[in-house]
Amino acid sequence: MAFIPGTLIFECDKDIGPTFFDELDAHGGLVGAHFSWTTNTIEFFEDTPQEVIDGVLEVYEAHDPTKPAQTEQP
């Protein structure tokens, strides 16, 4: 996994699964903070603060893409 040279696009070595949003949210302050993702890339914007980049990559490193999303019980 690494950034594509000359870009702010991070190529993932594992897919991003359904719990990634919740993991970012639990980390605090990352959701909606100048980045987006697909199943195999994370793209940061030019104005993304370094602490956000570091936090997102930290969450990604710990992320288990095979973990199923939690469903709320009625």
PDB file of N, CA and C in Angstrom:
ATOM      1  N   MET A   1       0.836  -1.161   0.000  1.00  0.00           N
ATOM      2  CA  MET A   1       0.000   0.000   0.000  1.00  0.00           C
ATOM      3  C   MET A   1       0.887   1.231   0.000  1.00  0.00           C
ATOM      4  N   ALA A   2       0.494   2.174  -0.796  1.00  0.00           N
ATOM      5  CA  ALA A   2       1.283   3.396  -0.903  1.00  0.00           C
ATOM      6  C   ALA A   2       0.503   4.426  -1.709  1.00  0.00           C
ATOM      7  N   PHE A   3       0.969   5.654  -1.615  1.00  0.00           N
ATOM      8  CA  PHE A   3       0.383   6.700  -2.442  1.00  0.00           C
ATOM      9  C   PHE A   3       0.852   6.521  -3.878  1.00  0.00           C
ATOM     10  N   ILE A   4      -0.039   6.770  -4.822  1.00  0.00           N
ATOM     11  CA  ILE A   4       0.352   6.796  -6.231  1.00  0.00           C
ATOM     12  C   ILE A   4       1.261   8.008  -6.377  1.00  0.00           C
ATOM     13  N   PRO A   5       2.468   7.844  -6.926  1.00  0.00           N
ATOM     14  CA  PRO A   5       3.407   8.960  -7.022  1.00  0.00           C
ATOM     15  C   PRO A   5       2.782  10.205  -7.659  1.00  0.00           C
ATOM     16  N   GLY A   6       3.018  11.345  -7.035  1.00  0.00           N
ATOM     17  CA  GLY A   6       2.528  12.621  -7.546  1.00  0.00           C
ATOM     18  C   GLY A   6       1.066  12.894  -7.288  1.00  0.00           C
ATOM     19  N   THR A   7       0.423  12.047  -6.476  1.00  0.00           N
ATOM     20  CA  THR A   7      -1.004  12.226  -6.189  1.00  0.00           C
ATOM     21  C   THR A   7      -1.250  12.135  -4.683  1.00  0.00           C
ATOM     22  N   LEU A   8      -2.479  12.373  -4.308  1.00  0.00           N
ATOM     23  CA  LEU A   8      -2.922  12.170  -2.933  1.00  0.00           C
ATOM     24  C   LEU A   8      -3.836  10.949  -2.851  1.00  0.00           C
ATOM     25  N   ILE A   9      -3.658  10.030  -3.810  1.00  0.00           N
ATOM     26  CA  ILE A   9      -4.461   8.802  -3.859  1.00  0.00           C
ATOM     27  C   ILE A   9      -3.652   7.662  -3.257  1.00  0.00           C
ATOM     28  N   PHE A  10      -4.214   7.070  -2.213  1.00  0.00           N
ATOM     29  CA  PHE A  10      -3.584   5.965  -1.505  1.00  0.00           C
ATOM     30  C   PHE A  10      -4.147   4.662  -2.045  1.00  0.00           C
ATOM     31  N   GLU A  11      -3.280   3.819  -2.617  1.00  0.00           N
ATOM     32  CA  GLU A  11      -3.707   2.509  -3.112  1.00  0.00           C
ATOM     33  C   GLU A  11      -3.676   1.508  -1.957  1.00  0.00           C
ATOM     34  N   CYS A  12      -4.813   0.919  -1.689  1.00  0.00           N
ATOM     35  CA  CYS A  12      -4.944  -0.009  -0.578  1.00  0.00           C
ATOM     36  C   CYS A  12      -4.478  -1.405  -0.975  1.00  0.00           C
ATOM     37  N   ASP A  13      -3.867  -2.095  -0.026  1.00  0.00           N
ATOM     38  CA  ASP A  13      -3.464  -3.475  -0.308  1.00  0.00           C
ATOM     39  C   ASP A  13      -4.516  -4.480   0.143  1.00  0.00           C
ATOM     40  N   LYS A  14      -5.561  -3.984   0.794  1.00  0.00           N
ATOM     41  CA  LYS A  14      -6.723  -4.810   1.140  1.00  0.00           C
ATOM     42  C   LYS A  14      -7.951  -3.959   0.851  1.00  0.00           C
ATOM     43  N   ASP A  15      -9.038  -4.614   0.523  1.00  0.00           N
ATOM     44  CA  ASP A  15     -10.267  -3.874   0.237  1.00  0.00           C
ATOM     45  C   ASP A  15     -10.772  -3.162   1.486  1.00  0.00           C
ATOM     46  N   ILE A  16     -11.579  -2.151   1.267  1.00  0.00           N
ATOM     47  CA  ILE A  16     -12.249  -1.464   2.353  1.00  0.00           C
ATOM     48  C   ILE A  16     -13.646  -2.046   2.466  1.00  0.00           C
ATOM     49  N   GLY A  17     -13.957  -2.565   3.636  1.00  0.00           N
ATOM     50  CA  GLY A  17     -15.224  -3.254   3.850  1.00  0.00           C
ATOM     51  C   GLY A  17     -16.308  -2.354   4.418  1.00  0.00           C
ATOM     52  N   PRO A  18     -17.438  -2.958   4.746  1.00  0.00           N
ATOM     53  CA  PRO A  18     -18.633  -2.210   5.144  1.00  0.00           C
ATOM     54  C   PRO A  18     -18.549  -1.507   6.499  1.00  0.00           C
ATOM     55  N   THR A  19     -17.561  -1.822   7.317  1.00  0.00           N
ATOM     56  CA  THR A  19     -17.474  -1.195   8.640  1.00  0.00           C
ATOM     57  C   THR A  19     -16.546   0.015   8.669  1.00  0.00           C
ATOM     58  N   PHE A  20     -15.921   0.341   7.539  1.00  0.00           N
ATOM     59  CA  PHE A  20     -14.918   1.407   7.520  1.00  0.00           C
ATOM     60  C   PHE A  20     -15.493   2.746   7.986  1.00  0.00           C
ATOM     61  N   PHE A  21     -16.674   3.111   7.509  1.00  0.00           N
ATOM     62  CA  PHE A  21     -17.295   4.373   7.926  1.00  0.00           C
ATOM     63  C   PHE A  21     -17.452   4.421   9.445  1.00  0.00           C
ATOM     64  N   ASP A  22     -17.992   3.352  10.025  1.00  0.00           N
ATOM     65  CA  ASP A  22     -18.203   3.309  11.472  1.00  0.00           C
ATOM     66  C   ASP A  22     -16.878   3.396  12.234  1.00  0.00           C
ATOM     67  N   GLU A  23     -15.840   2.777  11.696  1.00  0.00           N
ATOM     68  CA  GLU A  23     -14.526   2.829  12.334  1.00  0.00           C
ATOM     69  C   GLU A  23     -13.952   4.250  12.279  1.00  0.00           C
ATOM     70  N   LEU A  24     -14.132   4.921  11.146  1.00  0.00           N
ATOM     71  CA  LEU A  24     -13.697   6.316  11.035  1.00  0.00           C
ATOM     72  C   LEU A  24     -14.467   7.186  12.021  1.00  0.00           C
ATOM     73  N   ASP A  25     -15.766   6.963  12.106  1.00  0.00           N
ATOM     74  CA  ASP A  25     -16.620   7.728  13.005  1.00  0.00           C
ATOM     75  C   ASP A  25     -16.195   7.515  14.466  1.00  0.00           C
ATOM     76  N   ALA A  26     -15.894   6.286  14.812  1.00  0.00           N
ATOM     77  CA  ALA A  26     -15.479   5.968  16.178  1.00  0.00           C
ATOM     78  C   ALA A  26     -14.130   6.596  16.525  1.00  0.00           C
ATOM     79  N   HIS A  27     -13.294   6.778  15.515  1.00  0.00           N
ATOM     80  CA  HIS A  27     -11.973   7.388  15.743  1.00  0.00           C
ATOM     81  C   HIS A  27     -12.119   8.861  16.099  1.00  0.00           C
ATOM     82  N   GLY A  28     -13.211   9.464  15.663  1.00  0.00           N
ATOM     83  CA  GLY A  28     -13.519  10.853  16.014  1.00  0.00           C
ATOM     84  C   GLY A  28     -12.933  11.881  15.062  1.00  0.00           C
ATOM     85  N   GLY A  29     -13.797  12.718  14.529  1.00  0.00           N
ATOM     86  CA  GLY A  29     -13.363  13.839  13.709  1.00  0.00           C
ATOM     87  C   GLY A  29     -12.876  13.523  12.314  1.00  0.00           C
ATOM     88  N   LEU A  30     -13.049  12.304  11.853  1.00  0.00           N
ATOM     89  CA  LEU A  30     -12.525  11.957  10.526  1.00  0.00           C
ATOM     90  C   LEU A  30     -13.587  11.967   9.434  1.00  0.00           C
ATOM     91  N   VAL A  31     -14.807  11.587   9.763  1.00  0.00           N
ATOM     92  CA  VAL A  31     -15.858  11.534   8.754  1.00  0.00           C
ATOM     93  C   VAL A  31     -16.132  12.950   8.246  1.00  0.00           C
ATOM     94  N   GLY A  32     -16.087  13.104   6.935  1.00  0.00           N
ATOM     95  CA  GLY A  32     -16.339  14.398   6.320  1.00  0.00           C
ATOM     96  C   GLY A  32     -15.145  15.335   6.346  1.00  0.00           C
ATOM     97  N   ALA A  33     -13.959  14.804   6.596  1.00  0.00           N
ATOM     98  CA  ALA A  33     -12.764  15.639   6.765  1.00  0.00           C
ATOM     99  C   ALA A  33     -11.836  15.615   5.554  1.00  0.00           C
ATOM    100  N   HIS A  34     -12.347  15.976   4.383  1.00  0.00           N
ATOM    101  CA  HIS A  34     -11.510  16.199   3.195  1.00  0.00           C
ATOM    102  C   HIS A  34     -10.883  14.943   2.593  1.00  0.00           C
ATOM    103  N   PHE A  35     -11.649  13.872   2.493  1.00  0.00           N
ATOM    104  CA  PHE A  35     -11.173  12.677   1.805  1.00  0.00           C
ATOM    105  C   PHE A  35     -12.368  11.842   1.390  1.00  0.00           C
ATOM    106  N   SER A  36     -12.125  10.924   0.479  1.00  0.00           N
ATOM    107  CA  SER A  36     -13.157   9.982   0.052  1.00  0.00           C
ATOM    108  C   SER A  36     -12.484   8.631  -0.175  1.00  0.00           C
ATOM    109  N   TRP A  37     -13.288   7.579  -0.358  1.00  0.00           N
ATOM    110  CA  TRP A  37     -12.711   6.267  -0.594  1.00  0.00           C
ATOM    111  C   TRP A  37     -13.603   5.432  -1.484  1.00  0.00           C
ATOM    112  N   THR A  38     -12.966   4.435  -2.098  1.00  0.00           N
ATOM    113  CA  THR A  38     -13.657   3.385  -2.840  1.00  0.00           C
ATOM    114  C   THR A  38     -13.256   2.077  -2.160  1.00  0.00           C
ATOM    115  N   THR A  39     -13.544   0.958  -2.778  1.00  0.00           N
ATOM    116  CA  THR A  39     -13.180  -0.311  -2.144  1.00  0.00           C
ATOM    117  C   THR A  39     -11.676  -0.549  -2.094  1.00  0.00           C
ATOM    118  N   ASN A  40     -10.892   0.174  -2.936  1.00  0.00           N
ATOM    119  CA  ASN A  40      -9.450  -0.092  -2.932  1.00  0.00           C
ATOM    120  C   ASN A  40      -8.567   1.160  -3.016  1.00  0.00           C
ATOM    121  N   THR A  41      -9.140   2.337  -2.828  1.00  0.00           N
ATOM    122  CA  THR A  41      -8.340   3.563  -2.779  1.00  0.00           C
ATOM    123  C   THR A  41      -8.924   4.535  -1.747  1.00  0.00           C
ATOM    124  N   ILE A  42      -8.046   5.379  -1.232  1.00  0.00           N
ATOM    125  CA  ILE A  42      -8.458   6.491  -0.386  1.00  0.00           C
ATOM    126  C   ILE A  42      -7.856   7.732  -1.021  1.00  0.00           C
ATOM    127  N   GLU A  43      -8.694   8.703  -1.346  1.00  0.00           N
ATOM    128  CA  GLU A  43      -8.207   9.922  -1.990  1.00  0.00           C
ATOM    129  C   GLU A  43      -8.351  11.101  -1.030  1.00  0.00           C
ATOM    130  N   PHE A  44      -7.231  11.731  -0.778  1.00  0.00           N
ATOM    131  CA  PHE A  44      -7.208  12.908   0.078  1.00  0.00           C
ATOM    132  C   PHE A  44      -7.209  14.152  -0.798  1.00  0.00           C
ATOM    133  N   PHE A  45      -7.792  15.242  -0.299  1.00  0.00           N
ATOM    134  CA  PHE A  45      -7.839  16.495  -1.038  1.00  0.00           C
ATOM    135  C   PHE A  45      -6.586  17.304  -0.711  1.00  0.00           C
ATOM    136  N   GLU A  46      -6.291  18.300  -1.521  1.00  0.00           N
ATOM    137  CA  GLU A  46      -5.096  19.115  -1.309  1.00  0.00           C
ATOM    138  C   GLU A  46      -5.094  19.800   0.047  1.00  0.00           C
ATOM    139  N   ASP A  47      -6.276  20.098   0.583  1.00  0.00           N
ATOM    140  CA  ASP A  47      -6.345  20.803   1.869  1.00  0.00           C
ATOM    141  C   ASP A  47      -6.596  19.872   3.059  1.00  0.00           C
ATOM    142  N   THR A  48      -6.420  18.558   2.859  1.00  0.00           N
ATOM    143  CA  THR A  48      -6.610  17.625   3.965  1.00  0.00           C
ATOM    144  C   THR A  48      -5.469  17.797   4.970  1.00  0.00           C
ATOM    145  N   PRO A  49      -5.790  18.099   6.221  1.00  0.00           N
ATOM    146  CA  PRO A  49      -4.743  18.240   7.233  1.00  0.00           C
ATOM    147  C   PRO A  49      -3.971  16.921   7.430  1.00  0.00           C
ATOM    148  N   GLN A  50      -2.695  17.029   7.721  1.00  0.00           N
ATOM    149  CA  GLN A  50      -1.851  15.841   7.900  1.00  0.00           C
ATOM    150  C   GLN A  50      -2.379  14.944   9.021  1.00  0.00           C
ATOM    151  N   GLU A  51      -2.931  15.539  10.081  1.00  0.00           N
ATOM    152  CA  GLU A  51      -3.436  14.712  11.178  1.00  0.00           C
ATOM    153  C   GLU A  51      -4.649  13.884  10.747  1.00  0.00           C
ATOM    154  N   VAL A  52      -5.418  14.386   9.786  1.00  0.00           N
ATOM    155  CA  VAL A  52      -6.537  13.611   9.243  1.00  0.00           C
ATOM    156  C   VAL A  52      -5.999  12.463   8.395  1.00  0.00           C
ATOM    157  N   ILE A  53      -5.026  12.745   7.545  1.00  0.00           N
ATOM    158  CA  ILE A  53      -4.410  11.689   6.723  1.00  0.00           C
ATOM    159  C   ILE A  53      -3.859  10.592   7.632  1.00  0.00           C
ATOM    160  N   ASP A  54      -3.122  10.984   8.646  1.00  0.00           N
ATOM    161  CA  ASP A  54      -2.544  10.004   9.569  1.00  0.00           C
ATOM    162  C   ASP A  54      -3.628   9.194  10.281  1.00  0.00           C
ATOM    163  N   GLY A  55      -4.704   9.858  10.715  1.00  0.00           N
ATOM    164  CA  GLY A  55      -5.796   9.168  11.396  1.00  0.00           C
ATOM    165  C   GLY A  55      -6.519   8.184  10.494  1.00  0.00           C
ATOM    166  N   VAL A  56      -6.792   8.603   9.263  1.00  0.00           N
ATOM    167  CA  VAL A  56      -7.475   7.719   8.315  1.00  0.00           C
ATOM    168  C   VAL A  56      -6.612   6.495   8.015  1.00  0.00           C
ATOM    169  N   LEU A  57      -5.326   6.709   7.796  1.00  0.00           N
ATOM    170  CA  LEU A  57      -4.442   5.581   7.503  1.00  0.00           C
ATOM    171  C   LEU A  57      -4.293   4.657   8.716  1.00  0.00           C
ATOM    172  N   GLU A  58      -4.339   5.219   9.908  1.00  0.00           N
ATOM    173  CA  GLU A  58      -4.302   4.404  11.121  1.00  0.00           C
ATOM    174  C   GLU A  58      -5.548   3.524  11.212  1.00  0.00           C
ATOM    175  N   VAL A  59      -6.711   4.116  10.948  1.00  0.00           N
ATOM    176  CA  VAL A  59      -7.957   3.344  10.953  1.00  0.00           C
ATOM    177  C   VAL A  59      -7.904   2.268   9.871  1.00  0.00           C
ATOM    178  N   TYR A  60      -7.407   2.623   8.683  1.00  0.00           N
ATOM    179  CA  TYR A  60      -7.311   1.655   7.589  1.00  0.00           C
ATOM    180  C   TYR A  60      -6.411   0.478   7.979  1.00  0.00           C
ATOM    181  N   GLU A  61      -5.275   0.769   8.588  1.00  0.00           N
ATOM    182  CA  GLU A  61      -4.348  -0.303   8.970  1.00  0.00           C
ATOM    183  C   GLU A  61      -5.013  -1.320   9.888  1.00  0.00           C
ATOM    184  N   ALA A  62      -5.852  -0.854  10.814  1.00  0.00           N
ATOM    185  CA  ALA A  62      -6.530  -1.740  11.768  1.00  0.00           C
ATOM    186  C   ALA A  62      -7.813  -2.348  11.193  1.00  0.00           C
ATOM    187  N   HIS A  63      -8.243  -1.876  10.050  1.00  0.00           N
ATOM    188  CA  HIS A  63      -9.521  -2.271   9.447  1.00  0.00           C
ATOM    189  C   HIS A  63      -9.514  -3.730   8.986  1.00  0.00           C
ATOM    190  N   ASP A  64     -10.598  -4.433   9.298  1.00  0.00           N
ATOM    191  CA  ASP A  64     -10.810  -5.806   8.828  1.00  0.00           C
ATOM    192  C   ASP A  64     -11.929  -5.776   7.796  1.00  0.00           C
ATOM    193  N   PRO A  65     -11.586  -5.884   6.505  1.00  0.00           N
ATOM    194  CA  PRO A  65     -12.613  -5.779   5.467  1.00  0.00           C
ATOM    195  C   PRO A  65     -13.606  -6.932   5.448  1.00  0.00           C
ATOM    196  N   THR A  66     -13.298  -8.007   6.167  1.00  0.00           N
ATOM    197  CA  THR A  66     -14.227  -9.147   6.174  1.00  0.00           C
ATOM    198  C   THR A  66     -15.251  -9.057   7.302  1.00  0.00           C
ATOM    199  N   LYS A  67     -15.085  -8.095   8.177  1.00  0.00           N
ATOM    200  CA  LYS A  67     -16.032  -7.930   9.287  1.00  0.00           C
ATOM    201  C   LYS A  67     -17.369  -7.429   8.745  1.00  0.00           C
ATOM    202  N   PRO A  68     -18.467  -8.126   9.070  1.00  0.00           N
ATOM    203  CA  PRO A  68     -19.761  -7.687   8.555  1.00  0.00           C
ATOM    204  C   PRO A  68     -20.250  -6.425   9.267  1.00  0.00           C
ATOM    205  N   ALA A  69     -21.011  -5.648   8.561  1.00  0.00           N
ATOM    206  CA  ALA A  69     -21.617  -4.439   9.142  1.00  0.00           C
ATOM    207  C   ALA A  69     -22.612  -4.866  10.216  1.00  0.00           C
ATOM    208  N   GLN A  70     -22.682  -4.085  11.267  1.00  0.00           N
ATOM    209  CA  GLN A  70     -23.641  -4.360  12.331  1.00  0.00           C
ATOM    210  C   GLN A  70     -25.017  -3.890  11.869  1.00  0.00           C
ATOM    211  N   THR A  71     -26.001  -4.684  12.162  1.00  0.00           N
ATOM    212  CA  THR A  71     -27.372  -4.280  11.874  1.00  0.00           C
ATOM    213  C   THR A  71     -28.051  -3.983  13.203  1.00  0.00           C
ATOM    214  N   GLU A  72     -28.805  -2.907  13.222  1.00  0.00           N
ATOM    215  CA  GLU A  72     -29.509  -2.545  14.451  1.00  0.00           C
ATOM    216  C   GLU A  72     -30.694  -3.463  14.659  1.00  0.00           C
ATOM    217  N   GLN A  73     -30.861  -3.858  15.906  1.00  0.00           N
ATOM    218  CA  GLN A  73     -32.003  -4.699  16.259  1.00  0.00           C
ATOM    219  C   GLN A  73     -33.174  -3.804  16.664  1.00  0.00           C
ATOM    220  N   PRO A  74     -34.382  -4.166  16.253  1.00  0.00           N
ATOM    221  CA  PRO A  74     -35.559  -3.354  16.629  1.00  0.00           C
ATOM    222  C   PRO A  74     -35.864  -3.399  18.101  1.00  0.00           C
TER     223      PRO A  74
END
